[in-house]
Amino acid sequence: LAILFVHLVLAVEGLLWRAARVSSDVLVWLLGATSAWILAGVLDQPG
């Protein structure tokens, strides 16, 4: 989760730079944390 969170926050900052610049850091962190939790759950499923 820590690896996913850090890199998903950076991915948002890089790929969605215009939206990230006008958003608060907290919103970007929340998006990164939520996405990390969801994607880790998906990866954990068999196959």
All heavy atoms as atom14 arrays in JSON, in Angstrom:
{
  "sequence": "LAILFVHLVLAVEGLLWRAARVSSDVLVWLLGATSAWILAGVLDQPG",
  "atom14_mask": [
    [1, 1, 1, 1, 1, 1, 1, 1, 0, 0, 0, 0, 0, 0],
    [1, 1, 1, 1, 1, 0, 0, 0, 0, 0, 0, 0, 0, 0],
    [1, 1, 1, 1, 1, 1, 1, 1, 0, 0, 0, 0, 0, 0],
    [1, 1, 1, 1, 1, 1, 1, 1, 0, 0, 0, 0, 0, 0],
    [1, 1, 1, 1, 1, 1, 1, 1, 1, 1, 1, 0, 0, 0],
    [1, 1, 1, 1, 1, 1, 1, 0, 0, 0, 0, 0, 0, 0],
    [1, 1, 1, 1, 1, 1, 1, 1, 1, 1, 0, 0, 0, 0],
    [1, 1, 1, 1, 1, 1, 1, 1, 0, 0, 0, 0, 0, 0],
    [1, 1, 1, 1, 1, 1, 1, 0, 0, 0, 0, 0, 0, 0],
    [1, 1, 1, 1, 1, 1, 1, 1, 0, 0, 0, 0, 0, 0],
    [1, 1, 1, 1, 1, 0, 0, 0, 0, 0, 0, 0, 0, 0],
    [1, 1, 1, 1, 1, 1, 1, 0, 0, 0, 0, 0, 0, 0],
    [1, 1, 1, 1, 1, 1, 1, 1, 1, 0, 0, 0, 0, 0],
    [1, 1, 1, 1, 0, 0, 0, 0, 0, 0, 0, 0, 0, 0],
    [1, 1, 1, 1, 1, 1, 1, 1, 0, 0, 0, 0, 0, 0],
    [1, 1, 1, 1, 1, 1, 1, 1, 0, 0, 0, 0, 0, 0],
    [1, 1, 1, 1, 1, 1, 1, 1, 1, 1, 1, 1, 1, 1],
    [1, 1, 1, 1, 1, 1, 1, 1, 1, 1, 1, 0, 0, 0],
    [1, 1, 1, 1, 1, 0, 0, 0, 0, 0, 0, 0, 0, 0],
    [1, 1, 1, 1, 1, 0, 0, 0, 0, 0, 0, 0, 0, 0],
    [1, 1, 1, 1, 1, 1, 1, 1, 1, 1, 1, 0, 0, 0],
    [1, 1, 1, 1, 1, 1, 1, 0, 0, 0, 0, 0, 0, 0],
    [1, 1, 1, 1, 1, 1, 0, 0, 0, 0, 0, 0, 0, 0],
    [1, 1, 1, 1, 1, 1, 0, 0, 0, 0, 0, 0, 0, 0],
    [1, 1, 1, 1, 1, 1, 1, 1, 0, 0, 0, 0, 0, 0],
    [1, 1, 1, 1, 1, 1, 1, 0, 0, 0, 0, 0, 0, 0],
    [1, 1, 1, 1, 1, 1, 1, 1, 0, 0, 0, 0, 0, 0],
    [1, 1, 1, 1, 1, 1, 1, 0, 0, 0, 0, 0, 0, 0],
    [1, 1, 1, 1, 1, 1, 1, 1, 1, 1, 1, 1, 1, 1],
    [1, 1, 1, 1, 1, 1, 1, 1, 0, 0, 0, 0, 0, 0],
    [1, 1, 1, 1, 1, 1, 1, 1, 0, 0, 0, 0, 0, 0],
    [1, 1, 1, 1, 0, 0, 0, 0, 0, 0, 0, 0, 0, 0],
    [1, 1, 1, 1, 1, 0, 0, 0, 0, 0, 0, 0, 0, 0],
    [1, 1, 1, 1, 1, 1, 1, 0, 0, 0, 0, 0, 0, 0],
    [1, 1, 1, 1, 1, 1, 0, 0, 0, 0, 0, 0, 0, 0],
    [1, 1, 1, 1, 1, 0, 0, 0, 0, 0, 0, 0, 0, 0],
    [1, 1, 1, 1, 1, 1, 1, 1, 1, 1, 1, 1, 1, 1],
    [1, 1, 1, 1, 1, 1, 1, 1, 0, 0, 0, 0, 0, 0],
    [1, 1, 1, 1, 1, 1, 1, 1, 0, 0, 0, 0, 0, 0],
    [1, 1, 1, 1, 1, 0, 0, 0, 0, 0, 0, 0, 0, 0],
    [1, 1, 1, 1, 0, 0, 0, 0, 0, 0, 0, 0, 0, 0],
    [1, 1, 1, 1, 1, 1, 1, 0, 0, 0, 0, 0, 0, 0],
    [1, 1, 1, 1, 1, 1, 1, 1, 0, 0, 0, 0, 0, 0],
    [1, 1, 1, 1, 1, 1, 1, 1, 0, 0, 0, 0, 0, 0],
    [1, 1, 1, 1, 1, 1, 1, 1, 1, 0, 0, 0, 0, 0],
    [1, 1, 1, 1, 1, 1, 1, 0, 0, 0, 0, 0, 0, 0],
    [1, 1, 1, 1, 0, 0, 0, 0, 0, 0, 0, 0, 0, 0]
  ],
  "atom14_positions": [
    [[0.82, -1.21, 0.0], [0.0, 0.0, 0.0], [0.86, 1.26, 0.0], [0.53, 2.25, -0.66], [-0.94, 0.0, 1.21], [-2.11, -0.99, 1.14], [-2.85, -1.02, 2.47], [-3.08, -0.6, 0.01], [0.0, 0.0, 0.0], [0.0, 0.0, 0.0], [0.0, 0.0, 0.0], [0.0, 0.0, 0.0], [0.0, 0.0, 0.0], [0.0, 0.0, 0.0]],
    [[1.96, 1.25, 0.74], [2.84, 2.41, 0.78], [3.45, 2.67, -0.6], [3.5, 3.82, -1.06], [3.95, 2.2, 1.81], [0.0, 0.0, 0.0], [0.0, 0.0, 0.0], [0.0, 0.0, 0.0], [0.0, 0.0, 0.0], [0.0, 0.0, 0.0], [0.0, 0.0, 0.0], [0.0, 0.0, 0.0], [0.0, 0.0, 0.0], [0.0, 0.0, 0.0]],
    [[3.91, 1.61, -1.26], [4.48, 1.75, -2.6], [3.45, 2.29, -3.57], [3.72, 3.22, -4.35], [5.03, 0.4, -3.09], [6.23, -0.03, -2.23], [5.44, 0.48, -4.57], [6.66, -1.47, -2.47], [0.0, 0.0, 0.0], [0.0, 0.0, 0.0], [0.0, 0.0, 0.0], [0.0, 0.0, 0.0], [0.0, 0.0, 0.0], [0.0, 0.0, 0.0]],
    [[2.24, 1.72, -3.53], [1.18, 2.17, -4.43], [0.8, 3.61, -4.14], [0.63, 4.42, -5.07], [-0.04, 1.26, -4.3], [0.11, -0.18, -4.82], [-1.17, -0.96, -4.57], [0.44, -0.18, -6.3], [0.0, 0.0, 0.0], [0.0, 0.0, 0.0], [0.0, 0.0, 0.0], [0.0, 0.0, 0.0], [0.0, 0.0, 0.0], [0.0, 0.0, 0.0]],
    [[0.65, 3.96, -2.87], [0.24, 5.32, -2.51], [1.22, 6.36, -3.04], [0.83, 7.34, -3.7], [0.12, 5.45, -0.99], [-0.04, 6.88, -0.52], [-1.2, 7.58, -0.75], [0.99, 7.52, 0.15], [-1.35, 8.89, -0.33], [0.86, 8.84, 0.58], [-0.32, 9.53, 0.33], [0.0, 0.0, 0.0], [0.0, 0.0, 0.0], [0.0, 0.0, 0.0]],
    [[2.5, 6.17, -2.77], [3.51, 7.14, -3.2], [3.49, 7.31, -4.71], [3.48, 8.44, -5.24], [4.91, 6.7, -2.72], [6.0, 7.54, -3.4], [5.01, 6.84, -1.21], [0.0, 0.0, 0.0], [0.0, 0.0, 0.0], [0.0, 0.0, 0.0], [0.0, 0.0, 0.0], [0.0, 0.0, 0.0], [0.0, 0.0, 0.0], [0.0, 0.0, 0.0]],
    [[3.46, 6.21, -5.43], [3.57, 6.3, -6.88], [2.26, 6.73, -7.54], [2.29, 7.37, -8.6], [4.08, 4.98, -7.44], [5.51, 4.72, -7.12], [5.91, 4.06, -5.97], [6.65, 5.1, -7.74], [7.22, 4.02, -5.92], [7.7, 4.63, -6.98], [0.0, 0.0, 0.0], [0.0, 0.0, 0.0], [0.0, 0.0, 0.0], [0.0, 0.0, 0.0]],
    [[1.13, 6.42, -6.93], [-0.13, 6.9, -7.49], [-0.29, 8.4, -7.29], [-0.81, 9.1, -8.17], [-1.31, 6.15, -6.86], [-1.43, 4.67, -7.27], [-2.55, 3.99, -6.51], [-1.67, 4.56, -8.78], [0.0, 0.0, 0.0], [0.0, 0.0, 0.0], [0.0, 0.0, 0.0], [0.0, 0.0, 0.0], [0.0, 0.0, 0.0], [0.0, 0.0, 0.0]],
    [[0.15, 8.92, -6.16], [0.14, 10.37, -5.96], [1.03, 11.04, -7.02], [0.64, 12.04, -7.64], [0.61, 10.75, -4.55], [0.91, 12.24, -4.44], [-0.43, 10.35, -3.51], [0.0, 0.0, 0.0], [0.0, 0.0, 0.0], [0.0, 0.0, 0.0], [0.0, 0.0, 0.0], [0.0, 0.0, 0.0], [0.0, 0.0, 0.0], [0.0, 0.0, 0.0]],
    [[2.2, 10.49, -7.24], [3.09, 11.05, -8.25], [2.5, 10.93, -9.65], [2.66, 11.84, -10.48], [4.46, 10.36, -8.2], [5.29, 10.62, -6.94], [6.57, 9.79, -6.97], [5.63, 12.1, -6.81], [0.0, 0.0, 0.0], [0.0, 0.0, 0.0], [0.0, 0.0, 0.0], [0.0, 0.0, 0.0], [0.0, 0.0, 0.0], [0.0, 0.0, 0.0]],
    [[1.82, 9.81, -9.93], [1.19, 9.64, -11.24], [0.12, 10.69, -11.47], [-0.01, 11.25, -12.57], [0.6, 8.23, -11.37], [0.0, 0.0, 0.0], [0.0, 0.0, 0.0], [0.0, 0.0, 0.0], [0.0, 0.0, 0.0], [0.0, 0.0, 0.0], [0.0, 0.0, 0.0], [0.0, 0.0, 0.0], [0.0, 0.0, 0.0], [0.0, 0.0, 0.0]],
    [[-0.67, 10.98, -10.44], [-1.68, 12.03, -10.56], [-1.01, 13.38, -10.82], [-1.45, 14.15, -11.69], [-2.55, 12.1, -9.28], [-3.43, 13.35, -9.29], [-3.4, 10.85, -9.13], [0.0, 0.0, 0.0], [0.0, 0.0, 0.0], [0.0, 0.0, 0.0], [0.0, 0.0, 0.0], [0.0, 0.0, 0.0], [0.0, 0.0, 0.0], [0.0, 0.0, 0.0]],
    [[0.05, 13.65, -10.07], [0.76, 14.92, -10.25], [1.36, 15.04, -11.65], [1.42, 16.14, -12.22], [1.88, 15.04, -9.21], [1.4, 15.15, -7.77], [0.97, 16.57, -7.41], [1.04, 17.45, -8.3], [0.58, 16.79, -6.26], [0.0, 0.0, 0.0], [0.0, 0.0, 0.0], [0.0, 0.0, 0.0], [0.0, 0.0, 0.0], [0.0, 0.0, 0.0]],
    [[1.8, 13.92, -12.2], [2.43, 13.97, -13.5], [1.46, 13.91, -14.66], [1.52, 14.73, -15.58], [0.0, 0.0, 0.0], [0.0, 0.0, 0.0], [0.0, 0.0, 0.0], [0.0, 0.0, 0.0], [0.0, 0.0, 0.0], [0.0, 0.0, 0.0], [0.0, 0.0, 0.0], [0.0, 0.0, 0.0], [0.0, 0.0, 0.0], [0.0, 0.0, 0.0]],
    [[0.53, 12.95, -14.62], [-0.39, 12.75, -15.74], [-1.54, 13.75, -15.75], [-2.04, 14.11, -16.81], [-0.95, 11.32, -15.7], [0.07, 10.19, -15.86], [-0.6, 8.84, -15.68], [0.75, 10.26, -17.23], [0.0, 0.0, 0.0], [0.0, 0.0, 0.0], [0.0, 0.0, 0.0], [0.0, 0.0, 0.0], [0.0, 0.0, 0.0], [0.0, 0.0, 0.0]],
    [[-1.98, 14.16, -14.57], [-3.09, 15.11, -14.47], [-2.59, 16.42, -13.87], [-3.2, 16.97, -12.97], [-4.21, 14.51, -13.59], [-4.75, 13.15, -14.05], [-5.78, 12.64, -13.05], [-5.37, 13.25, -15.44], [0.0, 0.0, 0.0], [0.0, 0.0, 0.0], [0.0, 0.0, 0.0], [0.0, 0.0, 0.0], [0.0, 0.0, 0.0], [0.0, 0.0, 0.0]],
    [[-1.46, 16.9, -14.39], [-0.78, 18.03, -13.75], [-1.65, 19.27, -13.66], [-1.59, 19.98, -12.66], [0.53, 18.31, -14.47], [0.41, 18.95, -15.82], [0.5, 20.27, -16.12], [0.18, 18.28, -17.07], [0.35, 20.48, -17.46], [0.16, 19.29, -18.07], [0.01, 16.95, -17.44], [-0.04, 18.98, -19.43], [-0.18, 16.65, -18.78], [-0.21, 17.65, -19.75]],
    [[-2.47, 19.54, -14.66], [-3.29, 20.75, -14.62], [-4.32, 20.66, -13.5], [-4.53, 21.62, -12.75], [-3.98, 20.98, -15.96], [-3.01, 21.27, -17.09], [-3.75, 21.68, -18.35], [-2.86, 21.79, -19.49], [-2.11, 22.85, -19.76], [-2.15, 23.89, -18.94], [-1.33, 22.87, -20.82], [0.0, 0.0, 0.0], [0.0, 0.0, 0.0], [0.0, 0.0, 0.0]],
    [[-4.99, 19.51, -13.4], [-5.98, 19.33, -12.34], [-5.32, 19.31, -10.96], [-5.85, 19.86, -9.99], [-6.76, 18.04, -12.56], [0.0, 0.0, 0.0], [0.0, 0.0, 0.0], [0.0, 0.0, 0.0], [0.0, 0.0, 0.0], [0.0, 0.0, 0.0], [0.0, 0.0, 0.0], [0.0, 0.0, 0.0], [0.0, 0.0, 0.0], [0.0, 0.0, 0.0]],
    [[-4.15, 18.67, -10.88], [-3.46, 18.57, -9.59], [-3.0, 19.94, -9.1], [-3.02, 20.22, -7.89], [-2.25, 17.63, -9.72], [0.0, 0.0, 0.0], [0.0, 0.0, 0.0], [0.0, 0.0, 0.0], [0.0, 0.0, 0.0], [0.0, 0.0, 0.0], [0.0, 0.0, 0.0], [0.0, 0.0, 0.0], [0.0, 0.0, 0.0], [0.0, 0.0, 0.0]],
    [[-2.62, 20.82, -10.03], [-2.13, 22.15, -9.64], [-3.22, 23.0, -8.99], [-2.94, 23.82, -8.14], [-1.57, 22.88, -10.86], [-0.24, 22.31, -11.36], [0.89, 22.59, -10.37], [2.13, 21.95, -10.75], [3.02, 22.48, -11.6], [2.78, 23.64, -12.16], [4.13, 21.83, -11.88], [0.0, 0.0, 0.0], [0.0, 0.0, 0.0], [0.0, 0.0, 0.0]],
    [[-4.49, 22.81, -9.42], [-5.57, 23.61, -8.87], [-6.29, 22.91, -7.72], [-7.2, 23.47, -7.13], [-6.59, 23.99, -9.97], [-5.93, 24.8, -11.06], [-7.25, 22.74, -10.56], [0.0, 0.0, 0.0], [0.0, 0.0, 0.0], [0.0, 0.0, 0.0], [0.0, 0.0, 0.0], [0.0, 0.0, 0.0], [0.0, 0.0, 0.0], [0.0, 0.0, 0.0]],
    [[-5.89, 21.69, -7.4], [-6.47, 20.95, -6.28], [-5.57, 21.09, -5.05], [-4.39, 21.39, -5.17], [-6.62, 19.47, -6.65], [-7.44, 19.3, -7.79], [0.0, 0.0, 0.0], [0.0, 0.0, 0.0], [0.0, 0.0, 0.0], [0.0, 0.0, 0.0], [0.0, 0.0, 0.0], [0.0, 0.0, 0.0], [0.0, 0.0, 0.0], [0.0, 0.0, 0.0]],
    [[-6.14, 20.84, -3.9], [-5.33, 20.86, -2.68], [-4.52, 19.57, -2.59], [-4.92, 18.53, -3.14], [-6.22, 21.0, -1.45], [-6.95, 19.81, -1.22], [0.0, 0.0, 0.0], [0.0, 0.0, 0.0], [0.0, 0.0, 0.0], [0.0, 0.0, 0.0], [0.0, 0.0, 0.0], [0.0, 0.0, 0.0], [0.0, 0.0, 0.0], [0.0, 0.0, 0.0]],
    [[-3.39, 19.65, -1.9], [-2.57, 18.45, -1.72], [-3.35, 17.35, -1.04], [-3.2, 16.16, -1.37], [-1.33, 18.79, -0.9], [-0.33, 19.63, -1.67], [-0.4, 19.64, -2.92], [0.52, 20.26, -1.04], [0.0, 0.0, 0.0], [0.0, 0.0, 0.0], [0.0, 0.0, 0.0], [0.0, 0.0, 0.0], [0.0, 0.0, 0.0], [0.0, 0.0, 0.0]],
    [[-4.2, 17.72, -0.08], [-4.95, 16.71, 0.66], [-5.86, 15.9, -0.26], [-5.98, 14.68, -0.13], [-5.77, 17.37, 1.79], [-6.67, 16.34, 2.47], [-4.85, 18.02, 2.8], [0.0, 0.0, 0.0], [0.0, 0.0, 0.0], [0.0, 0.0, 0.0], [0.0, 0.0, 0.0], [0.0, 0.0, 0.0], [0.0, 0.0, 0.0], [0.0, 0.0, 0.0]],
    [[-6.5, 16.57, -1.22], [-7.37, 15.86, -2.16], [-6.58, 14.87, -3.01], [-7.02, 13.75, -3.27], [-8.11, 16.85, -3.05], [-9.23, 17.67, -2.4], [-9.82, 18.65, -3.4], [-10.32, 16.73, -1.85], [0.0, 0.0, 0.0], [0.0, 0.0, 0.0], [0.0, 0.0, 0.0], [0.0, 0.0, 0.0], [0.0, 0.0, 0.0], [0.0, 0.0, 0.0]],
    [[-5.39, 15.3, -3.45], [-4.55, 14.41, -4.25], [-4.1, 13.22, -3.4], [-4.09, 12.07, -3.86], [-3.33, 15.17, -4.8], [-2.38, 14.22, -5.52], [-3.78, 16.28, -5.74], [0.0, 0.0, 0.0], [0.0, 0.0, 0.0], [0.0, 0.0, 0.0], [0.0, 0.0, 0.0], [0.0, 0.0, 0.0], [0.0, 0.0, 0.0], [0.0, 0.0, 0.0]],
    [[-3.75, 13.47, -2.13], [-3.34, 12.38, -1.25], [-4.49, 11.41, -1.01], [-4.29, 10.19, -0.98], [-2.84, 12.93, 0.08], [-1.63, 13.81, -0.04], [-0.75, 13.85, -1.08], [-1.19, 14.78, 0.91], [0.22, 14.79, -0.85], [-0.01, 15.38, 0.36], [-1.64, 15.2, 2.14], [0.68, 16.38, 1.04], [-0.94, 16.21, 2.81], [0.2, 16.78, 2.27]],
    [[-5.7, 11.94, -0.82], [-6.86, 11.08, -0.61], [-7.14, 10.23, -1.85], [-7.47, 9.04, -1.73], [-8.09, 11.92, -0.27], [-8.14, 12.52, 1.14], [-9.35, 13.45, 1.28], [-8.2, 11.4, 2.2], [0.0, 0.0, 0.0], [0.0, 0.0, 0.0], [0.0, 0.0, 0.0], [0.0, 0.0, 0.0], [0.0, 0.0, 0.0], [0.0, 0.0, 0.0]],
    [[-7.0, 10.84, -3.02], [-7.19, 10.08, -4.26], [-6.14, 8.98, -4.37], [-6.46, 7.84, -4.74], [-7.09, 11.02, -5.46], [-7.19, 10.38, -6.84], [-8.51, 9.64, -7.0], [-7.02, 11.43, -7.94], [0.0, 0.0, 0.0], [0.0, 0.0, 0.0], [0.0, 0.0, 0.0], [0.0, 0.0, 0.0], [0.0, 0.0, 0.0], [0.0, 0.0, 0.0]],
    [[-4.9, 9.3, -4.02], [-3.84, 8.3, -4.08], [-4.07, 7.17, -3.1], [-3.9, 5.99, -3.43], [0.0, 0.0, 0.0], [0.0, 0.0, 0.0], [0.0, 0.0, 0.0], [0.0, 0.0, 0.0], [0.0, 0.0, 0.0], [0.0, 0.0, 0.0], [0.0, 0.0, 0.0], [0.0, 0.0, 0.0], [0.0, 0.0, 0.0], [0.0, 0.0, 0.0]],
    [[-4.48, 7.51, -1.87], [-4.71, 6.48, -0.85], [-5.89, 5.6, -1.22], [-5.83, 4.35, -1.09], [-4.96, 7.15, 0.51], [0.0, 0.0, 0.0], [0.0, 0.0, 0.0], [0.0, 0.0, 0.0], [0.0, 0.0, 0.0], [0.0, 0.0, 0.0], [0.0, 0.0, 0.0], [0.0, 0.0, 0.0], [0.0, 0.0, 0.0], [0.0, 0.0, 0.0]],
    [[-6.99, 6.21, -1.69], [-8.16, 5.43, -2.07], [-7.86, 4.51, -3.25], [-8.23, 3.33, -3.25], [-9.32, 6.37, -2.45], [-9.6, 7.24, -1.35], [-10.57, 5.58, -2.8], [0.0, 0.0, 0.0], [0.0, 0.0, 0.0], [0.0, 0.0, 0.0], [0.0, 0.0, 0.0], [0.0, 0.0, 0.0], [0.0, 0.0, 0.0], [0.0, 0.0, 0.0]],
    [[-7.18, 5.05, -4.24], [-6.82, 4.24, -5.42], [-5.88, 3.1, -5.04], [-6.02, 1.98, -5.55], [-6.16, 5.13, -6.48], [-7.03, 6.18, -6.87], [0.0, 0.0, 0.0], [0.0, 0.0, 0.0], [0.0, 0.0, 0.0], [0.0, 0.0, 0.0], [0.0, 0.0, 0.0], [0.0, 0.0, 0.0], [0.0, 0.0, 0.0], [0.0, 0.0, 0.0]],
    [[-4.93, 3.37, -4.15], [-4.0, 2.33, -3.71], [-4.75, 1.2, -3.03], [-4.49, 0.01, -3.27], [-2.96, 2.92, -2.76], [0.0, 0.0, 0.0], [0.0, 0.0, 0.0], [0.0, 0.0, 0.0], [0.0, 0.0, 0.0], [0.0, 0.0, 0.0], [0.0, 0.0, 0.0], [0.0, 0.0, 0.0], [0.0, 0.0, 0.0], [0.0, 0.0, 0.0]],
    [[-5.7, 1.54, -2.16], [-6.47, 0.53, -1.43], [-7.3, -0.32, -2.4], [-7.33, -1.55, -2.3], [-7.38, 1.2, -0.42], [-8.07, 0.25, 0.5], [-9.27, -0.37, 0.31], [-7.57, -0.24, 1.76], [-9.56, -1.2, 1.37], [-8.54, -1.14, 2.27], [-6.42, 0.02, 2.49], [-8.37, -1.78, 3.5], [-6.25, -0.64, 3.71], [-7.22, -1.52, 4.19]],
    [[-7.95, 0.34, -3.35], [-8.8, -0.38, -4.31], [-7.96, -1.28, -5.22], [-8.29, -2.46, -5.42], [-9.62, 0.61, -5.16], [-10.64, 1.34, -4.28], [-10.32, -0.11, -6.31], [-11.36, 2.47, -4.98], [0.0, 0.0, 0.0], [0.0, 0.0, 0.0], [0.0, 0.0, 0.0], [0.0, 0.0, 0.0], [0.0, 0.0, 0.0], [0.0, 0.0, 0.0]],
    [[-6.88, -0.74, -5.76], [-6.06, -1.53, -6.68], [-5.35, -2.69, -5.98], [-5.2, -3.77, -6.57], [-5.03, -0.61, -7.35], [-5.62, 0.39, -8.35], [-4.55, 1.35, -8.84], [-6.25, -0.34, -9.53], [0.0, 0.0, 0.0], [0.0, 0.0, 0.0], [0.0, 0.0, 0.0], [0.0, 0.0, 0.0], [0.0, 0.0, 0.0], [0.0, 0.0, 0.0]],
    [[-4.94, -2.48, -4.74], [-4.34, -3.6, -3.99], [-5.36, -4.71, -3.79], [-5.03, -5.9, -3.89], [-3.83, -3.11, -2.63], [0.0, 0.0, 0.0], [0.0, 0.0, 0.0], [0.0, 0.0, 0.0], [0.0, 0.0, 0.0], [0.0, 0.0, 0.0], [0.0, 0.0, 0.0], [0.0, 0.0, 0.0], [0.0, 0.0, 0.0], [0.0, 0.0, 0.0]],
    [[-6.61, -4.33, -3.52], [-7.67, -5.33, -3.38], [-7.91, -6.09, -4.66], [-8.13, -7.31, -4.65], [0.0, 0.0, 0.0], [0.0, 0.0, 0.0], [0.0, 0.0, 0.0], [0.0, 0.0, 0.0], [0.0, 0.0, 0.0], [0.0, 0.0, 0.0], [0.0, 0.0, 0.0], [0.0, 0.0, 0.0], [0.0, 0.0, 0.0], [0.0, 0.0, 0.0]],
    [[-7.85, -5.39, -5.79], [-8.04, -6.04, -7.09], [-6.89, -7.02, -7.37], [-7.1, -8.16, -7.8], [-8.13, -4.99, -8.2], [-8.12, -5.66, -9.58], [-9.39, -4.15, -8.05], [0.0, 0.0, 0.0], [0.0, 0.0, 0.0], [0.0, 0.0, 0.0], [0.0, 0.0, 0.0], [0.0, 0.0, 0.0], [0.0, 0.0, 0.0], [0.0, 0.0, 0.0]],
    [[-5.66, -6.57, -7.13], [-4.5, -7.43, -7.37], [-4.51, -8.67, -6.49], [-3.99, -9.73, -6.88], [-3.21, -6.64, -7.14], [-2.83, -5.62, -8.2], [-1.7, -4.72, -7.7], [-2.4, -6.31, -9.49], [0.0, 0.0, 0.0], [0.0, 0.0, 0.0], [0.0, 0.0, 0.0], [0.0, 0.0, 0.0], [0.0, 0.0, 0.0], [0.0, 0.0, 0.0]],
    [[-5.08, -8.55, -5.3], [-5.09, -9.67, -4.37], [-6.01, -10.81, -4.82], [-5.88, -11.94, -4.34], [-5.54, -9.21, -2.97], [-4.42, -8.53, -2.2], [-3.24, -8.77, -2.55], [-4.71, -7.78, -1.25], [0.0, 0.0, 0.0], [0.0, 0.0, 0.0], [0.0, 0.0, 0.0], [0.0, 0.0, 0.0], [0.0, 0.0, 0.0], [0.0, 0.0, 0.0]],
    [[-6.93, -10.51, -5.74], [-7.85, -11.55, -6.2], [-7.09, -12.59, -7.03], [-6.16, -12.26, -7.77], [-8.96, -10.94, -7.05], [-9.85, -9.94, -6.3], [-10.54, -10.58, -5.11], [-11.1, -11.68, -5.22], [-10.47, -9.91, -3.97], [0.0, 0.0, 0.0], [0.0, 0.0, 0.0], [0.0, 0.0, 0.0], [0.0, 0.0, 0.0], [0.0, 0.0, 0.0]],
    [[-7.43, -13.88, -6.89], [-6.73, -14.94, -7.63], [-6.7, -14.66, -9.14], [-7.72, -14.32, -9.74], [-7.57, -16.19, -7.32], [-8.21, -15.89, -6.01], [-8.5, -14.42, -6.03], [0.0, 0.0, 0.0], [0.0, 0.0, 0.0], [0.0, 0.0, 0.0], [0.0, 0.0, 0.0], [0.0, 0.0, 0.0], [0.0, 0.0, 0.0], [0.0, 0.0, 0.0]],
    [[-5.52, -14.78, -9.71], [-5.37, -14.6, -11.14], [-5.2, -13.17, -11.59], [-5.01, -12.91, -12.78], [0.0, 0.0, 0.0], [0.0, 0.0, 0.0], [0.0, 0.0, 0.0], [0.0, 0.0, 0.0], [0.0, 0.0, 0.0], [0.0, 0.0, 0.0], [0.0, 0.0, 0.0], [0.0, 0.0, 0.0], [0.0, 0.0, 0.0], [0.0, 0.0, 0.0]]
  ]
}
